[in-house]
PDB file of N, CA and C in Angstrom:
ATOM      1  N   MET A   1     104.967  68.456  70.233  1.00  0.00           N
ATOM      2  CA  MET A   1     104.720  68.544  68.811  1.00  0.00           C
ATOM      3  C   MET A   1     103.475  67.727  68.441  1.00  0.00           C
ATOM      4  N   TYR A   2     103.478  66.415  68.726  1.00  0.00           N
ATOM      5  CA  TYR A   2     102.316  65.585  68.397  1.00  0.00           C
ATOM      6  C   TYR A   2     101.123  65.954  69.269  1.00  0.00           C
ATOM      7  N   THR A   3     101.386  66.194  70.547  1.00  0.00           N
ATOM      8  CA  THR A   3     100.304  66.563  71.465  1.00  0.00           C
ATOM      9  C   THR A   3      99.749  67.923  71.095  1.00  0.00           C
ATOM     10  N   GLU A   4     100.622  68.836  70.751  1.00  0.00           N
ATOM     11  CA  GLU A   4     100.186  70.167  70.310  1.00  0.00           C
ATOM     12  C   GLU A   4      99.325  70.043  69.058  1.00  0.00           C
ATOM     13  N   ASP A   5      99.745  69.233  68.112  1.00  0.00           N
ATOM     14  CA  ASP A   5      98.972  69.030  66.880  1.00  0.00           C
ATOM     15  C   ASP A   5      97.597  68.433  67.177  1.00  0.00           C
ATOM     16  N   GLU A   6      97.547  67.471  68.089  1.00  0.00           N
ATOM     17  CA  GLU A   6      96.275  66.843  68.437  1.00  0.00           C
ATOM     18  C   GLU A   6      95.347  67.852  69.122  1.00  0.00           C
ATOM     19  N   GLY A   7      95.899  68.654  70.012  1.00  0.00           N
ATOM     20  CA  GLY A   7      95.106  69.691  70.670  1.00  0.00           C
ATOM     21  C   GLY A   7      94.517  70.670  69.672  1.00  0.00           C
ATOM     22  N   LYS A   8      95.327  71.081  68.724  1.00  0.00           N
ATOM     23  CA  LYS A   8      94.856  72.007  67.685  1.00  0.00           C
ATOM     24  C   LYS A   8      93.811  71.346  66.801  1.00  0.00           C
ATOM     25  N   LYS A   9      94.016  70.082  66.460  1.00  0.00           N
ATOM     26  CA  LYS A   9      93.063  69.348  65.623  1.00  0.00           C
ATOM     27  C   LYS A   9      91.705  69.252  66.309  1.00  0.00           C
ATOM     28  N   LEU A  10      91.726  68.995  67.615  1.00  0.00           N
ATOM     29  CA  LEU A  10      90.477  68.878  68.364  1.00  0.00           C
ATOM     30  C   LEU A  10      89.850  70.238  68.693  1.00  0.00           C
ATOM     31  N   GLY A  11      90.631  71.290  68.567  1.00  0.00           N
ATOM     32  CA  GLY A  11      90.104  72.621  68.848  1.00  0.00           C
ATOM     33  C   GLY A  11      90.064  72.970  70.329  1.00  0.00           C
ATOM     34  N   VAL A  12      90.936  72.311  71.117  1.00  0.00           N
ATOM     35  CA  VAL A  12      91.013  72.662  72.533  1.00  0.00           C
ATOM     36  C   VAL A  12      92.151  73.643  72.750  1.00  0.00           C
ATOM     37  N   SER A  13      92.135  74.309  73.872  1.00  0.00           N
ATOM     38  CA  SER A  13      93.196  75.237  74.244  1.00  0.00           C
ATOM     39  C   SER A  13      93.973  74.642  75.398  1.00  0.00           C
ATOM     40  N   GLY A  14      95.235  75.040  75.521  1.00  0.00           N
ATOM     41  CA  GLY A  14      96.011  74.569  76.654  1.00  0.00           C
ATOM     42  C   GLY A  14      97.490  74.491  76.370  1.00  0.00           C
ATOM     43  N   TRP A  15      98.168  73.722  77.199  1.00  0.00           N
ATOM     44  CA  TRP A  15      99.611  73.558  77.079  1.00  0.00           C
ATOM     45  C   TRP A  15     100.029  72.220  77.671  1.00  0.00           C
ATOM     46  N   VAL A  16     101.178  71.743  77.254  1.00  0.00           N
ATOM     47  CA  VAL A  16     101.801  70.543  77.812  1.00  0.00           C
ATOM     48  C   VAL A  16     103.291  70.788  77.985  1.00  0.00           C
ATOM     49  N   LYS A  17     103.882  70.046  78.918  1.00  0.00           N
ATOM     50  CA  LYS A  17     105.318  70.180  79.165  1.00  0.00           C
ATOM     51  C   LYS A  17     105.856  68.863  79.686  1.00  0.00           C
ATOM     52  N   ASN A  18     106.964  68.414  79.124  1.00  0.00           N
ATOM     53  CA  ASN A  18     107.657  67.234  79.632  1.00  0.00           C
ATOM     54  C   ASN A  18     108.435  67.632  80.880  1.00  0.00           C
ATOM     55  N   THR A  19     108.389  66.776  81.903  1.00  0.00           N
ATOM     56  CA  THR A  19     109.119  67.063  83.129  1.00  0.00           C
ATOM     57  C   THR A  19     110.422  66.281  83.173  1.00  0.00           C
ATOM     58  N   ARG A  20     111.295  66.650  84.088  1.00  0.00           N
ATOM     59  CA  ARG A  20     112.568  65.936  84.258  1.00  0.00           C
ATOM     60  C   ARG A  20     112.349  64.520  84.777  1.00  0.00           C
ATOM     61  N   GLN A  21     111.195  64.273  85.383  1.00  0.00           N
ATOM     62  CA  GLN A  21     110.873  62.958  85.917  1.00  0.00           C
ATOM     63  C   GLN A  21     110.340  62.008  84.844  1.00  0.00           C
ATOM     64  N   GLY A  22     110.247  62.483  83.600  1.00  0.00           N
ATOM     65  CA  GLY A  22     109.761  61.651  82.511  1.00  0.00           C
ATOM     66  C   GLY A  22     108.250  61.620  82.392  1.00  0.00           C
ATOM     67  N   THR A  23     107.597  62.562  83.048  1.00  0.00           N
ATOM     68  CA  THR A  23     106.139  62.653  82.954  1.00  0.00           C
ATOM     69  C   THR A  23     105.764  63.880  82.123  1.00  0.00           C
ATOM     70  N   VAL A  24     104.484  64.041  81.912  1.00  0.00           N
ATOM     71  CA  VAL A  24     103.976  65.197  81.184  1.00  0.00           C
ATOM     72  C   VAL A  24     102.941  65.887  82.059  1.00  0.00           C
ATOM     73  N   VAL A  25     103.025  67.203  82.143  1.00  0.00           N
ATOM     74  CA  VAL A  25     102.020  67.993  82.848  1.00  0.00           C
ATOM     75  C   VAL A  25     101.401  68.957  81.853  1.00  0.00           C
ATOM     76  N   GLY A  26     100.234  69.458  82.177  1.00  0.00           N
ATOM     77  CA  GLY A  26      99.617  70.414  81.284  1.00  0.00           C
ATOM     78  C   GLY A  26      98.239  70.823  81.724  1.00  0.00           C
ATOM     79  N   GLN A  27      97.597  71.553  80.866  1.00  0.00           N
ATOM     80  CA  GLN A  27      96.240  72.032  81.104  1.00  0.00           C
ATOM     81  C   GLN A  27      95.497  72.026  79.774  1.00  0.00           C
ATOM     82  N   VAL A  28      94.250  71.574  79.809  1.00  0.00           N
ATOM     83  CA  VAL A  28      93.418  71.539  78.605  1.00  0.00           C
ATOM     84  C   VAL A  28      92.093  72.213  78.921  1.00  0.00           C
ATOM     85  N   GLN A  29      91.653  73.090  78.030  1.00  0.00           N
ATOM     86  CA  GLN A  29      90.378  73.780  78.185  1.00  0.00           C
ATOM     87  C   GLN A  29      89.604  73.698  76.886  1.00  0.00           C
ATOM     88  N   GLY A  30      88.300  73.680  76.998  1.00  0.00           N
ATOM     89  CA  GLY A  30      87.455  73.664  75.812  1.00  0.00           C
ATOM     90  C   GLY A  30      86.137  72.989  76.101  1.00  0.00           C
ATOM     91  N   PRO A  31      85.363  72.723  75.054  1.00  0.00           N
ATOM     92  CA  PRO A  31      84.089  72.031  75.236  1.00  0.00           C
ATOM     93  C   PRO A  31      84.308  70.657  75.881  1.00  0.00           C
ATOM     94  N   TYR A  32      83.410  70.292  76.765  1.00  0.00           N
ATOM     95  CA  TYR A  32      83.522  69.055  77.538  1.00  0.00           C
ATOM     96  C   TYR A  32      83.867  67.852  76.659  1.00  0.00           C
ATOM     97  N   ILE A  33      83.153  67.670  75.580  1.00  0.00           N
ATOM     98  CA  ILE A  33      83.372  66.495  74.714  1.00  0.00           C
ATOM     99  C   ILE A  33      84.756  66.507  74.079  1.00  0.00           C
ATOM    100  N   LYS A  34      85.240  67.683  73.696  1.00  0.00           N
ATOM    101  CA  LYS A  34      86.572  67.789  73.080  1.00  0.00           C
ATOM    102  C   LYS A  34      87.677  67.562  74.109  1.00  0.00           C
ATOM    103  N   VAL A  35      87.475  68.062  75.324  1.00  0.00           N
ATOM    104  CA  VAL A  35      88.448  67.817  76.394  1.00  0.00           C
ATOM    105  C   VAL A  35      88.516  66.323  76.681  1.00  0.00           C
ATOM    106  N   ASN A  36      87.363  65.660  76.705  1.00  0.00           N
ATOM    107  CA  ASN A  36      87.363  64.211  76.929  1.00  0.00           C
ATOM    108  C   ASN A  36      88.060  63.462  75.800  1.00  0.00           C
ATOM    109  N   GLU A  37      87.886  63.897  74.560  1.00  0.00           N
ATOM    110  CA  GLU A  37      88.586  63.271  73.436  1.00  0.00           C
ATOM    111  C   GLU A  37      90.094  63.436  73.599  1.00  0.00           C
ATOM    112  N   MET A  38      90.514  64.598  74.065  1.00  0.00           N
ATOM    113  CA  MET A  38      91.942  64.839  74.287  1.00  0.00           C
ATOM    114  C   MET A  38      92.455  63.948  75.415  1.00  0.00           C
ATOM    115  N   LYS A  39      91.669  63.771  76.464  1.00  0.00           N
ATOM    116  CA  LYS A  39      92.073  62.905  77.569  1.00  0.00           C
ATOM    117  C   LYS A  39      92.238  61.462  77.102  1.00  0.00           C
ATOM    118  N   VAL A  40      91.352  61.000  76.246  1.00  0.00           N
ATOM    119  CA  VAL A  40      91.474  59.638  75.700  1.00  0.00           C
ATOM    120  C   VAL A  40      92.754  59.534  74.884  1.00  0.00           C
ATOM    121  N   TRP A  41      93.007  60.519  74.035  1.00  0.00           N
ATOM    122  CA  TRP A  41      94.221  60.503  73.217  1.00  0.00           C
ATOM    123  C   TRP A  41      95.468  60.491  74.108  1.00  0.00           C
ATOM    124  N   LEU A  42      95.473  61.334  75.142  1.00  0.00           N
ATOM    125  CA  LEU A  42      96.622  61.392  76.043  1.00  0.00           C
ATOM    126  C   LEU A  42      96.830  60.086  76.797  1.00  0.00           C
ATOM    127  N   SER A  43      95.756  59.416  77.155  1.00  0.00           N
ATOM    128  CA  SER A  43      95.889  58.203  77.963  1.00  0.00           C
ATOM    129  C   SER A  43      96.056  56.925  77.138  1.00  0.00           C
ATOM    130  N   LYS A  44      95.667  56.946  75.866  1.00  0.00           N
ATOM    131  CA  LYS A  44      95.705  55.727  75.053  1.00  0.00           C
ATOM    132  C   LYS A  44      96.661  55.783  73.860  1.00  0.00           C
ATOM    133  N   VAL A  45      96.877  56.976  73.290  1.00  0.00           N
ATOM    134  CA  VAL A  45      97.657  57.087  72.055  1.00  0.00           C
ATOM    135  C   VAL A  45      98.981  57.796  72.313  1.00  0.00           C
ATOM    136  N   GLY A  46      98.934  59.084  72.575  1.00  0.00           N
ATOM    137  CA  GLY A  46     100.138  59.870  72.820  1.00  0.00           C
ATOM    138  C   GLY A  46     101.010  59.998  71.589  1.00  0.00           C
ATOM    139  N   SER A  47     102.178  60.577  71.766  1.00  0.00           N
ATOM    140  CA  SER A  47     103.100  60.734  70.646  1.00  0.00           C
ATOM    141  C   SER A  47     103.755  59.388  70.344  1.00  0.00           C
ATOM    142  N   PRO A  48     104.265  59.215  69.124  1.00  0.00           N
ATOM    143  CA  PRO A  48     104.825  57.917  68.714  1.00  0.00           C
ATOM    144  C   PRO A  48     105.924  57.377  69.624  1.00  0.00           C
ATOM    145  N   SER A  49     106.722  58.231  70.203  1.00  0.00           N
ATOM    146  CA  SER A  49     107.831  57.757  71.029  1.00  0.00           C
ATOM    147  C   SER A  49     107.464  57.647  72.517  1.00  0.00           C
ATOM    148  N   SER A  50     106.223  57.948  72.862  1.00  0.00           N
ATOM    149  CA  SER A  50     105.847  57.918  74.276  1.00  0.00           C
ATOM    150  C   SER A  50     105.504  56.503  74.736  1.00  0.00           C
ATOM    151  N   ARG A  51     105.692  56.280  76.018  1.00  0.00           N
ATOM    152  CA  ARG A  51     105.250  55.053  76.673  1.00  0.00           C
ATOM    153  C   ARG A  51     104.281  55.486  77.760  1.00  0.00           C
ATOM    154  N   ILE A  52     103.051  55.093  77.644  1.00  0.00           N
ATOM    155  CA  ILE A  52     102.030  55.529  78.592  1.00  0.00           C
ATOM    156  C   ILE A  52     101.762  54.413  79.586  1.00  0.00           C
ATOM    157  N   ASP A  53     102.207  54.622  80.814  1.00  0.00           N
ATOM    158  CA  ASP A  53     101.960  53.651  81.876  1.00  0.00           C
ATOM    159  C   ASP A  53     100.631  53.937  82.562  1.00  0.00           C
ATOM    160  N   ARG A  54     100.326  55.206  82.734  1.00  0.00           N
ATOM    161  CA  ARG A  54      99.052  55.618  83.324  1.00  0.00           C
ATOM    162  C   ARG A  54      98.832  57.091  83.014  1.00  0.00           C
ATOM    163  N   ALA A  55      97.596  57.498  83.105  1.00  0.00           N
ATOM    164  CA  ALA A  55      97.248  58.909  82.905  1.00  0.00           C
ATOM    165  C   ALA A  55      96.400  59.343  84.087  1.00  0.00           C
ATOM    166  N   GLU A  56      96.752  60.465  84.639  1.00  0.00           N
ATOM    167  CA  GLU A  56      96.053  60.998  85.799  1.00  0.00           C
ATOM    168  C   GLU A  56      95.588  62.406  85.477  1.00  0.00           C
ATOM    169  N   PHE A  57      94.324  62.662  85.671  1.00  0.00           N
ATOM    170  CA  PHE A  57      93.771  63.987  85.413  1.00  0.00           C
ATOM    171  C   PHE A  57      93.197  64.518  86.721  1.00  0.00           C
ATOM    172  N   SER A  58      93.523  65.759  87.042  1.00  0.00           N
ATOM    173  CA  SER A  58      93.071  66.320  88.315  1.00  0.00           C
ATOM    174  C   SER A  58      92.652  67.772  88.128  1.00  0.00           C
ATOM    175  N   ASN A  59      92.079  68.311  89.185  1.00  0.00           N
ATOM    176  CA  ASN A  59      91.651  69.712  89.201  1.00  0.00           C
ATOM    177  C   ASN A  59      90.688  70.045  88.071  1.00  0.00           C
ATOM    178  N   GLU A  60      89.814  69.103  87.734  1.00  0.00           N
ATOM    179  CA  GLU A  60      88.845  69.350  86.666  1.00  0.00           C
ATOM    180  C   GLU A  60      87.712  70.224  87.189  1.00  0.00           C
ATOM    181  N   LYS A  61      87.342  71.217  86.390  1.00  0.00           N
ATOM    182  CA  LYS A  61      86.258  72.112  86.787  1.00  0.00           C
ATOM    183  C   LYS A  61      85.675  72.796  85.563  1.00  0.00           C
ATOM    184  N   ASP A  62      84.448  73.240  85.691  1.00  0.00           N
ATOM    185  CA  ASP A  62      83.825  74.045  84.643  1.00  0.00           C
ATOM    186  C   ASP A  62      84.318  75.471  84.782  1.00  0.00           C
ATOM    187  N   ILE A  63      84.583  76.098  83.644  1.00  0.00           N
ATOM    188  CA  ILE A  63      84.972  77.508  83.657  1.00  0.00           C
ATOM    189  C   ILE A  63      84.036  78.273  82.728  1.00  0.00           C
ATOM    190  N   PRO A  64      83.699  79.524  83.083  1.00  0.00           N
ATOM    191  CA  PRO A  64      82.747  80.284  82.267  1.00  0.00           C
ATOM    192  C   PRO A  64      83.278  80.658  80.886  1.00  0.00           C
ATOM    193  N   LYS A  65      84.583  80.868  80.773  1.00  0.00           N
ATOM    194  CA  LYS A  65      85.185  81.164  79.466  1.00  0.00           C
ATOM    195  C   LYS A  65      86.633  80.710  79.477  1.00  0.00           C
ATOM    196  N   LEU A  66      87.184  80.504  78.293  1.00  0.00           N
ATOM    197  CA  LEU A  66      88.567  80.033  78.181  1.00  0.00           C
ATOM    198  C   LEU A  66      89.537  81.017  78.810  1.00  0.00           C
ATOM    199  N   GLU A  67      90.482  80.486  79.543  1.00  0.00           N
ATOM    200  CA  GLU A  67      91.535  81.299  80.141  1.00  0.00           C
ATOM    201  C   GLU A  67      92.807  81.240  79.303  1.00  0.00           C
ATOM    202  N   ILE A  68      92.864  80.276  78.392  1.00  0.00           N
ATOM    203  CA  ILE A  68      94.013  80.074  77.511  1.00  0.00           C
ATOM    204  C   ILE A  68      93.485  80.023  76.080  1.00  0.00           C
ATOM    205  N   HIS A  69      94.224  80.582  75.153  1.00  0.00           N
ATOM    206  CA  HIS A  69      93.819  80.547  73.746  1.00  0.00           C
ATOM    207  C   HIS A  69      94.929  79.903  72.932  1.00  0.00           C
ATOM    208  N   GLY A  70      94.582  78.863  72.181  1.00  0.00           N
ATOM    209  CA  GLY A  70      95.564  78.127  71.410  1.00  0.00           C
ATOM    210  C   GLY A  70      96.119  76.964  72.223  1.00  0.00           C
ATOM    211  N   PHE A  71      96.945  76.158  71.580  1.00  0.00           N
ATOM    212  CA  PHE A  71      97.554  75.019  72.254  1.00  0.00           C
ATOM    213  C   PHE A  71      99.044  75.018  71.949  1.00  0.00           C
ATOM    214  N   VAL A  72      99.859  74.936  72.995  1.00  0.00           N
ATOM    215  CA  VAL A  72     101.314  75.008  72.800  1.00  0.00           C
ATOM    216  C   VAL A  72     102.033  73.962  73.625  1.00  0.00           C
ATOM    217  N   THR A  73     103.265  73.690  73.225  1.00  0.00           N
ATOM    218  CA  THR A  73     104.182  72.881  74.007  1.00  0.00           C
ATOM    219  C   THR A  73     105.131  73.829  74.686  1.00  0.00           C
ATOM    220  N   ARG A  74     105.237  73.702  75.993  1.00  0.00           N
ATOM    221  CA  ARG A  74     106.183  74.545  76.755  1.00  0.00           C
ATOM    222  C   ARG A  74     107.470  73.782  76.963  1.00  0.00           C
ATOM    223  N   TYR A  75     108.580  74.524  76.943  1.00  0.00           N
ATOM    224  CA  TYR A  75     109.889  73.893  77.134  1.00  0.00           C
ATOM    225  C   TYR A  75     110.570  74.430  78.361  1.00  0.00           C
TER     226      TYR A  75
END
């Protein structure tokens, strides 16, 4: 909900999902600067009830066009 709202506010596309292990996985696509803003938010702010011990981002790459449109929370 909060992460989805932040993604929409920043204008990035993607998804997030809480795992059974208490972590969050997802994918973010968009302009480089906006993706970086989302990464900062995910690693420093997060939703009000979250506890952020660390943030790990992997598989980063440039893509010619968005593969995902909109931002959602998956359940």
